[in-house]
Amino acid sequence: MYQRVLQQMLDWQVPMAEWAALGAVLLVIVLIAWVSYWVLHRIVLRFLDSAAQKSQRIWHRALFGRKLFSRSMVVVQLVILSWQIQLWLPDGFVLLPVSSIILESLIVLYVMLSLFSLLDVVLDFSMTSRAGRELPLRGLFQGVKLALAVMALLLIVSILIGQSPLILLSGLGAMTAILLLVFKDPILGLVAGIQLSANRMVAPGDWVEMPQYKANGEVIDITLTTVKVQNWDKTITTIPTYAMISDAFVNWQGMQKTGARRIKRSVTIDVRSVRFVDDELKQRIANLPGVADYLAASKAPTNLGAVRFYIAEKLRQNEKVRSDLTLMVRQLQQTAQGIPLEIYCFSAITDWIIYEGIQADIFDELYASLDHFDLAIYQSPSGTDFQQLMSS
């Protein structure tokens, strides 16, 4: 194309025809670049923006907030500009090789950035579904971005040195140990993210407990190398992603899905207060829930056995306790402090504050009811007890 313009300048007998022809083609290149910019950004991009605003809000936020269209438009501009340079400039032009290298490198860079934006858009749409929120997709997508960045870097280097990317790939064999050392955490995080996703071990929103990292709270983010846990005291603990595979942790999500939360707590009974039920005590407790059945079934009823049946029956009557799940009141191995009497059941509400209230109400009633059965709770003597003993 340059030769045609030069020949036309010579036919018109323009002074310094070669420079005039070069200036003309450069002007045409700049004009086409400006027109392409104006059409793509001022017309096409604005049209897509207005169309996205009329649709669902998430479309506009995902497509334009992640700059997918704007970066794609830059790629188109660079391709047009590269084509124009090859078309209009003469083969022997001194700046042609440099311009081609720069434009090809920029095209690779913006293609990579466009793919990054596309992955971000896919991630945003995935987060709108329940399955997407349960899977640690952010870490997986970051792994894909890392692979794309390495590929783009290889392509740019191959463009700069004028060699095939395959030559660079063959030379990477000697650098494998160094690359593994440099990218150790991302590689481990990528593998761990795949395992977490495949096995559904943890997802954003899960309540996890990991004492070795002092983490006890809700997972707020899973990335390629870290898992962020917001503890209940509002502090944030950062855990390496691969630690979720190599170390043990507790995921309370099963409890939340079941809709029940376990109550497992005991009170220690003073052994000296345990005795058989006599006529006077029998008359006093016979009308309490569950006690009559126990007295009728037992040949040698005790006040400790009666209180076990009483508490179990009260738990079954409690609407805030799941009677369809394990519910029992049992004795544990005697200790130096007495006989542990344990309540094992599940509350019907998993919310922490309400759960603590349900548990407190159960044990408040237990503490107050023991006196009806002539049972005493073991309590280590305090300074006040010794003062009363010395003053008596």
Protein backbone atom coordinates (compact mmCIF):
# COMPACT_ATOMS: atom_id res chain seq x y z
CA MET A 1 0.00 0.00 0.00
CA TYR A 2 2.88 2.36 0.72
CA GLN A 3 4.23 1.83 -2.78
CA ARG A 4 0.93 2.93 -4.32
CA VAL A 5 0.89 6.08 -2.23
CA LEU A 6 4.53 6.78 -3.13
CA GLN A 7 3.84 6.28 -6.82
CA GLN A 8 0.91 8.65 -6.59
CA MET A 9 3.14 11.27 -4.93
CA LEU A 10 5.69 10.85 -7.69
CA ASP A 11 3.02 11.24 -10.35
CA TRP A 12 1.91 14.46 -8.68
CA GLN A 13 5.56 15.54 -8.51
CA VAL A 14 5.28 16.23 -4.78
CA PRO A 15 8.58 17.44 -3.25
CA MET A 16 10.24 14.88 -0.97
CA ALA A 17 7.78 12.28 -2.19
CA GLU A 18 9.08 9.48 0.08
CA TRP A 19 8.61 11.52 3.25
CA ALA A 20 5.26 12.80 2.04
CA ALA A 21 4.09 9.25 1.33
CA LEU A 22 5.31 8.08 4.74
CA GLY A 23 3.53 10.97 6.46
CA ALA A 24 0.35 10.20 4.53
CA VAL A 25 0.26 6.54 5.53
CA LEU A 26 1.06 7.42 9.15
CA LEU A 27 -1.83 9.89 9.08
CA VAL A 28 -4.12 7.20 7.71
CA ILE A 29 -3.02 4.77 10.44
CA VAL A 30 -3.68 7.35 13.17
CA LEU A 31 -7.05 8.27 11.64
CA ILE A 32 -8.18 4.63 11.44
CA ALA A 33 -7.00 4.05 15.03
CA TRP A 34 -8.99 7.07 16.23
CA VAL A 35 -12.10 5.99 14.31
CA SER A 36 -11.86 2.46 15.70
CA TYR A 37 -11.50 3.86 19.23
CA TRP A 38 -14.48 6.19 18.78
CA VAL A 39 -16.69 3.45 17.31
CA LEU A 40 -15.77 0.77 19.84
CA HIS A 41 -15.77 2.89 23.00
CA ARG A 42 -18.26 5.65 22.22
CA ILE A 43 -20.85 3.62 20.32
CA VAL A 44 -20.51 -0.14 20.87
CA LEU A 45 -19.46 0.01 24.53
CA ARG A 46 -22.12 2.55 25.46
CA PHE A 47 -24.76 0.49 23.67
CA LEU A 48 -23.73 -2.63 25.60
CA ASP A 49 -23.69 -0.61 28.84
CA SER A 50 -27.23 0.66 28.33
CA ALA A 51 -28.44 -2.82 27.37
CA ALA A 52 -26.89 -4.34 30.49
CA GLN A 53 -28.42 -1.67 32.72
CA LYS A 54 -31.90 -2.55 31.43
CA SER A 55 -31.41 -6.22 32.27
CA GLN A 56 -30.66 -7.76 35.62
CA ARG A 57 -28.41 -5.75 37.88
CA ILE A 58 -25.87 -8.52 38.26
CA TRP A 59 -25.20 -8.51 34.51
CA HIS A 60 -24.10 -4.88 34.57
CA ARG A 61 -22.03 -5.31 37.71
CA ALA A 62 -20.29 -8.44 36.45
CA LEU A 63 -19.63 -7.46 32.83
CA PHE A 64 -18.67 -3.84 33.37
CA GLY A 65 -17.39 -3.99 36.92
CA ARG A 66 -14.87 -6.61 35.80
CA LYS A 67 -13.97 -4.56 32.64
CA LEU A 68 -14.59 -7.48 30.29
CA PHE A 69 -15.92 -5.40 27.40
CA SER A 70 -13.47 -2.53 27.79
CA ARG A 71 -10.45 -4.86 27.73
CA SER A 72 -11.89 -6.80 24.81
CA MET A 73 -12.30 -3.54 22.91
CA VAL A 74 -8.64 -2.72 23.50
CA VAL A 75 -7.71 -6.12 22.03
CA VAL A 76 -9.75 -5.34 18.92
CA GLN A 77 -8.11 -1.91 18.65
CA LEU A 78 -4.62 -3.38 18.92
CA VAL A 79 -5.39 -6.03 16.29
CA ILE A 80 -6.70 -3.35 13.91
CA LEU A 81 -3.65 -1.17 14.55
CA SER A 82 -1.26 -4.09 13.98
CA TRP A 83 -3.03 -4.96 10.74
CA GLN A 84 -2.86 -1.33 9.61
CA ILE A 85 0.87 -1.11 10.31
CA GLN A 86 1.56 -4.26 8.32
CA LEU A 87 -0.67 -2.98 5.52
CA TRP A 88 0.50 0.62 5.17
CA LEU A 89 4.14 0.82 6.30
CA PRO A 90 6.93 -0.18 3.92
CA ASP A 91 8.82 -3.39 4.56
CA GLY A 92 12.11 -1.58 5.10
CA PHE A 93 10.71 0.95 7.57
CA VAL A 94 13.05 1.09 10.58
CA LEU A 95 10.29 1.22 13.21
CA LEU A 96 8.19 -1.59 11.70
CA PRO A 97 9.84 -4.52 13.61
CA VAL A 98 9.79 -2.61 16.90
CA SER A 99 6.16 -1.56 16.42
CA SER A 100 5.14 -5.11 15.54
CA ILE A 101 6.86 -6.55 18.62
CA ILE A 102 5.27 -3.96 20.93
CA LEU A 103 1.80 -4.43 19.47
CA GLU A 104 1.99 -8.25 19.56
CA SER A 105 3.13 -8.13 23.18
CA LEU A 106 0.30 -5.76 24.07
CA ILE A 107 -2.20 -8.01 22.30
CA VAL A 108 -1.03 -11.02 24.35
CA LEU A 109 -1.18 -8.93 27.54
CA TYR A 110 -4.72 -7.65 26.94
CA VAL A 111 -5.96 -11.05 25.81
CA MET A 112 -4.72 -12.38 29.15
CA LEU A 113 -6.44 -9.53 31.02
CA SER A 114 -9.65 -10.16 29.06
CA LEU A 115 -9.55 -13.83 30.03
CA PHE A 116 -9.00 -12.75 33.65
CA SER A 117 -12.12 -10.59 33.40
CA LEU A 118 -14.06 -13.46 31.82
CA LEU A 119 -13.09 -15.75 34.69
CA ASP A 120 -14.17 -13.08 37.19
CA VAL A 121 -17.53 -12.77 35.41
CA VAL A 122 -18.03 -16.55 35.51
CA LEU A 123 -17.11 -16.51 39.20
CA ASP A 124 -19.61 -13.73 39.93
CA PHE A 125 -22.40 -15.63 38.21
CA SER A 126 -21.39 -18.85 39.97
CA MET A 127 -21.72 -17.13 43.33
CA THR A 128 -25.40 -16.46 42.62
CA SER A 129 -26.17 -20.19 42.83
CA ARG A 130 -26.05 -22.34 45.93
CA ALA A 131 -23.68 -24.87 44.37
CA GLY A 132 -21.28 -22.09 43.39
CA ARG A 133 -21.22 -20.70 46.91
CA GLU A 134 -20.52 -24.11 48.40
CA LEU A 135 -17.52 -24.82 46.16
CA PRO A 136 -14.16 -23.04 46.66
CA LEU A 137 -14.19 -21.72 43.09
CA ARG A 138 -12.14 -18.61 43.83
CA GLY A 139 -9.01 -20.65 44.53
CA LEU A 140 -9.53 -22.77 41.41
CA PHE A 141 -9.99 -19.70 39.22
CA GLN A 142 -6.87 -18.13 40.69
CA GLY A 143 -4.97 -21.26 39.73
CA VAL A 144 -6.25 -20.92 36.16
CA LYS A 145 -5.18 -17.25 36.18
CA LEU A 146 -1.71 -18.25 37.31
CA ALA A 147 -1.43 -20.74 34.45
CA LEU A 148 -2.64 -18.11 31.96
CA ALA A 149 -0.13 -15.59 33.30
CA VAL A 150 2.74 -18.06 32.86
CA MET A 151 1.61 -18.83 29.30
CA ALA A 152 1.31 -15.12 28.48
CA LEU A 153 4.78 -14.46 29.90
CA LEU A 154 6.26 -17.22 27.75
CA LEU A 155 4.55 -15.84 24.65
CA ILE A 156 5.75 -12.29 25.32
CA VAL A 157 9.32 -13.45 25.90
CA SER A 158 9.22 -15.52 22.71
CA ILE A 159 7.98 -12.45 20.79
CA LEU A 160 10.75 -10.27 22.23
CA ILE A 161 13.54 -12.72 21.40
CA GLY A 162 11.99 -13.85 18.12
CA GLN A 163 11.98 -17.54 19.01
CA SER A 164 9.27 -20.17 19.15
CA PRO A 165 7.56 -20.68 22.56
CA LEU A 166 8.37 -24.39 22.22
CA ILE A 167 12.06 -23.57 22.59
CA LEU A 168 11.36 -21.77 25.86
CA LEU A 169 9.22 -24.67 27.06
CA SER A 170 12.02 -27.13 26.33
CA GLY A 171 14.39 -24.96 28.35
CA LEU A 172 12.07 -24.96 31.35
CA GLY A 173 13.03 -28.53 32.17
CA ALA A 174 16.24 -27.37 33.78
CA MET A 175 14.35 -24.76 35.77
CA THR A 176 11.69 -27.13 37.12
CA ALA A 177 13.22 -27.32 40.60
CA ILE A 178 13.45 -23.53 40.83
CA LEU A 179 9.88 -23.08 39.58
CA LEU A 180 8.58 -25.64 42.06
CA LEU A 181 10.34 -23.81 44.87
CA VAL A 182 9.09 -20.38 43.80
CA PHE A 183 5.51 -21.52 43.17
CA LYS A 184 5.35 -24.05 46.01
CA ASP A 185 2.47 -22.37 47.87
CA PRO A 186 0.35 -21.70 44.75
CA ILE A 187 0.84 -25.29 43.55
CA LEU A 188 -0.05 -26.75 46.95
CA GLY A 189 -2.98 -24.35 47.19
CA LEU A 190 -4.24 -25.33 43.74
CA VAL A 191 -4.09 -29.05 44.56
CA ALA A 192 -5.73 -28.42 47.93
CA GLY A 193 -8.45 -26.31 46.30
CA ILE A 194 -9.26 -29.12 43.88
CA GLN A 195 -9.46 -31.62 46.76
CA LEU A 196 -11.62 -29.26 48.83
CA SER A 197 -13.92 -28.79 45.87
CA ALA A 198 -14.11 -32.45 44.87
CA ASN A 199 -14.71 -33.69 48.43
CA ARG A 200 -16.88 -30.71 49.49
CA MET A 201 -14.83 -30.38 52.66
CA VAL A 202 -15.32 -26.66 53.24
CA ALA A 203 -17.07 -23.76 51.53
CA PRO A 204 -17.59 -20.05 52.18
CA GLY A 205 -20.17 -19.61 54.93
CA ASP A 206 -19.22 -22.80 56.79
CA TRP A 207 -18.46 -22.67 60.49
CA VAL A 208 -15.05 -24.30 60.98
CA GLU A 209 -12.89 -24.82 64.04
CA MET A 210 -9.13 -25.30 63.79
CA PRO A 211 -7.52 -24.96 67.25
CA GLN A 212 -3.94 -25.24 65.97
CA TYR A 213 -4.46 -21.99 64.04
CA LYS A 214 -6.74 -20.46 66.71
CA ALA A 215 -9.56 -20.35 64.17
CA ASN A 216 -13.18 -20.72 65.26
CA GLY A 217 -15.70 -18.98 63.08
CA GLU A 218 -17.16 -18.57 59.60
CA VAL A 219 -15.23 -19.03 56.36
CA ILE A 220 -15.46 -15.75 54.43
CA ASP A 221 -13.07 -16.41 51.54
CA ILE A 222 -11.13 -19.25 49.93
CA THR A 223 -8.30 -18.22 47.62
CA LEU A 224 -5.49 -20.05 45.87
CA THR A 225 -3.14 -19.93 48.87
CA THR A 226 -5.24 -18.98 51.91
CA VAL A 227 -8.56 -19.58 53.65
CA LYS A 228 -9.89 -16.62 55.64
CA VAL A 229 -11.93 -17.37 58.76
CA GLN A 230 -13.76 -14.64 60.63
CA ASN A 231 -13.75 -15.71 64.26
CA TRP A 232 -16.68 -15.02 66.57
CA ASP A 233 -14.72 -12.20 68.24
CA LYS A 234 -14.59 -10.56 64.75
CA THR A 235 -10.88 -11.22 64.29
CA ILE A 236 -9.76 -12.84 61.02
CA THR A 237 -7.50 -15.89 60.90
CA THR A 238 -5.64 -16.72 57.68
CA ILE A 239 -4.98 -20.42 57.14
CA PRO A 240 -2.91 -21.92 54.28
CA THR A 241 -5.23 -23.74 51.89
CA TYR A 242 -3.13 -26.90 51.94
CA ALA A 243 -3.39 -26.96 55.76
CA MET A 244 -7.10 -27.76 55.36
CA ILE A 245 -5.96 -31.00 53.71
CA SER A 246 -2.92 -31.90 55.79
CA ASP A 247 -4.29 -30.91 59.23
CA ALA A 248 -7.50 -31.80 61.04
CA PHE A 249 -10.35 -29.33 61.43
CA VAL A 250 -13.99 -29.42 62.51
CA ASN A 251 -16.71 -28.30 60.10
CA TRP A 252 -19.97 -27.53 61.87
CA GLN A 253 -21.93 -27.24 58.62
CA GLY A 254 -23.49 -30.67 59.17
CA MET A 255 -24.97 -29.42 62.42
CA GLN A 256 -26.37 -26.35 60.69
CA LYS A 257 -27.91 -28.43 57.87
CA THR A 258 -29.46 -30.88 60.34
CA GLY A 259 -31.14 -28.04 62.21
CA ALA A 260 -30.07 -29.42 65.58
CA ARG A 261 -27.21 -28.61 67.92
CA ARG A 262 -25.90 -30.99 70.55
CA ILE A 263 -26.15 -30.30 74.27
CA LYS A 264 -23.59 -32.39 76.16
CA ARG A 265 -23.02 -31.14 79.67
CA SER A 266 -22.96 -32.65 83.15
CA VAL A 267 -23.51 -31.73 86.76
CA THR A 268 -21.61 -33.47 89.56
CA ILE A 269 -23.77 -35.01 92.31
CA ASP A 270 -22.43 -35.39 95.84
CA VAL A 271 -22.21 -39.15 96.54
CA ARG A 272 -23.28 -38.66 100.17
CA SER A 273 -26.69 -37.35 99.06
CA VAL A 274 -27.58 -40.48 97.04
CA ARG A 275 -30.02 -42.80 98.86
CA PHE A 276 -33.01 -45.10 98.40
CA VAL A 277 -36.45 -43.59 98.02
CA ASP A 278 -38.37 -43.89 101.30
CA ASP A 279 -42.10 -43.39 101.81
CA GLU A 280 -41.75 -39.70 102.68
CA LEU A 281 -39.66 -38.92 99.55
CA LYS A 282 -41.88 -41.15 97.41
CA GLN A 283 -44.94 -39.20 98.44
CA ARG A 284 -43.16 -35.94 97.60
CA ILE A 285 -41.92 -36.84 94.11
CA ALA A 286 -44.48 -39.37 92.87
CA ASN A 287 -46.46 -36.77 90.91
CA LEU A 288 -43.43 -35.34 89.06
CA PRO A 289 -43.18 -36.17 85.30
CA GLY A 290 -41.57 -39.53 84.58
CA VAL A 291 -41.03 -40.42 88.24
CA ALA A 292 -44.14 -42.60 88.64
CA ASP A 293 -43.04 -44.89 85.78
CA TYR A 294 -39.59 -45.21 87.32
CA LEU A 295 -40.93 -46.02 90.79
CA ALA A 296 -43.26 -48.65 89.36
CA ALA A 297 -40.56 -50.32 87.29
CA SER A 298 -37.69 -50.28 89.81
CA LYS A 299 -37.43 -52.74 92.69
CA ALA A 300 -35.03 -50.55 94.62
CA PRO A 301 -35.58 -46.96 93.45
CA THR A 302 -33.06 -44.29 94.37
CA ASN A 303 -33.33 -40.54 94.30
CA LEU A 304 -30.57 -40.41 91.66
CA GLY A 305 -32.46 -42.80 89.38
CA ALA A 306 -35.68 -40.84 89.92
CA VAL A 307 -34.04 -37.56 88.91
CA ARG A 308 -32.68 -39.19 85.74
CA PHE A 309 -36.17 -40.22 84.62
CA TYR A 310 -37.57 -36.85 85.66
CA ILE A 311 -35.03 -34.86 83.62
CA ALA A 312 -35.43 -37.14 80.57
CA GLU A 313 -39.21 -36.70 80.63
CA LYS A 314 -38.89 -32.92 80.99
CA LEU A 315 -36.57 -32.85 77.98
CA ARG A 316 -39.09 -34.83 75.90
CA GLN A 317 -41.79 -32.31 76.82
CA ASN A 318 -39.57 -29.37 75.88
CA GLU A 319 -40.51 -28.08 72.40
CA LYS A 320 -37.03 -26.59 71.96
CA VAL A 321 -35.40 -30.03 72.27
CA ARG A 322 -35.39 -32.54 69.38
CA SER A 323 -37.05 -35.70 70.69
CA ASP A 324 -36.45 -37.50 67.37
CA LEU A 325 -32.69 -37.42 67.94
CA THR A 326 -30.59 -38.97 70.69
CA LEU A 327 -31.91 -37.91 74.09
CA MET A 328 -30.67 -39.38 77.35
CA VAL A 329 -29.60 -38.60 80.88
CA ARG A 330 -26.76 -40.83 81.99
CA GLN A 331 -24.25 -41.38 84.77
CA LEU A 332 -20.56 -41.10 84.01
CA GLN A 333 -17.66 -42.69 85.82
CA GLN A 334 -17.43 -41.52 89.41
CA THR A 335 -14.64 -39.07 90.17
CA ALA A 336 -13.14 -37.62 93.33
CA GLN A 337 -15.66 -34.79 93.06
CA GLY A 338 -18.73 -37.05 92.87
CA ILE A 339 -21.00 -38.66 90.28
CA PRO A 340 -21.28 -36.77 86.96
CA LEU A 341 -24.88 -36.72 85.73
CA GLU A 342 -24.77 -35.88 82.02
CA ILE A 343 -27.51 -34.53 79.78
CA TYR A 344 -27.10 -35.56 76.15
CA CYS A 345 -29.65 -34.16 73.69
CA PHE A 346 -30.06 -31.81 70.72
CA SER A 347 -31.66 -28.38 70.66
CA ALA A 348 -34.11 -27.63 67.87
CA ILE A 349 -32.43 -24.26 67.15
CA THR A 350 -28.81 -23.88 66.03
CA ASP A 351 -28.48 -20.13 66.50
CA TRP A 352 -25.73 -19.62 69.05
CA ILE A 353 -27.49 -17.12 71.31
CA ILE A 354 -30.79 -19.01 71.37
CA TYR A 355 -28.95 -22.31 71.83
CA GLU A 356 -27.12 -21.00 74.89
CA GLY A 357 -30.43 -19.79 76.31
CA ILE A 358 -32.04 -23.22 75.83
CA GLN A 359 -29.11 -24.94 77.49
CA ALA A 360 -29.12 -22.50 80.40
CA ASP A 361 -32.87 -22.97 80.95
CA ILE A 362 -32.47 -26.76 81.08
CA PHE A 363 -29.73 -26.62 83.68
CA ASP A 364 -31.42 -23.85 85.67
CA GLU A 365 -34.38 -26.18 86.13
CA LEU A 366 -32.06 -29.09 86.89
CA TYR A 367 -30.25 -27.20 89.66
CA ALA A 368 -33.53 -26.08 91.18
CA SER A 369 -35.10 -29.57 90.96
CA LEU A 370 -32.36 -31.50 92.74
CA ASP A 371 -33.55 -30.29 96.11
CA HIS A 372 -36.90 -32.07 95.57
CA PHE A 373 -34.98 -35.35 95.37
CA ASP A 374 -32.75 -34.59 98.38
CA LEU A 375 -29.71 -34.51 96.10
CA ALA A 376 -26.80 -32.14 96.54
CA ILE A 377 -24.36 -30.75 93.96
CA TYR A 378 -20.70 -31.17 94.77
CA GLN A 379 -18.86 -27.91 95.23
CA SER A 380 -15.31 -27.46 96.42
CA PRO A 381 -15.09 -25.63 99.75
CA SER A 382 -14.32 -21.93 99.47
CA GLY A 383 -12.83 -19.41 101.85
CA THR A 384 -16.30 -18.59 103.18
CA ASP A 385 -16.87 -22.22 104.12
CA PHE A 386 -13.65 -22.32 106.13
CA GLN A 387 -14.52 -19.05 107.88
CA GLN A 388 -17.91 -20.43 108.92
CA LEU A 389 -16.26 -23.64 110.14
CA MET A 390 -13.74 -21.74 112.24
CA SER A 391 -16.37 -19.42 113.71
CA SER A 392 -18.68 -22.27 114.73
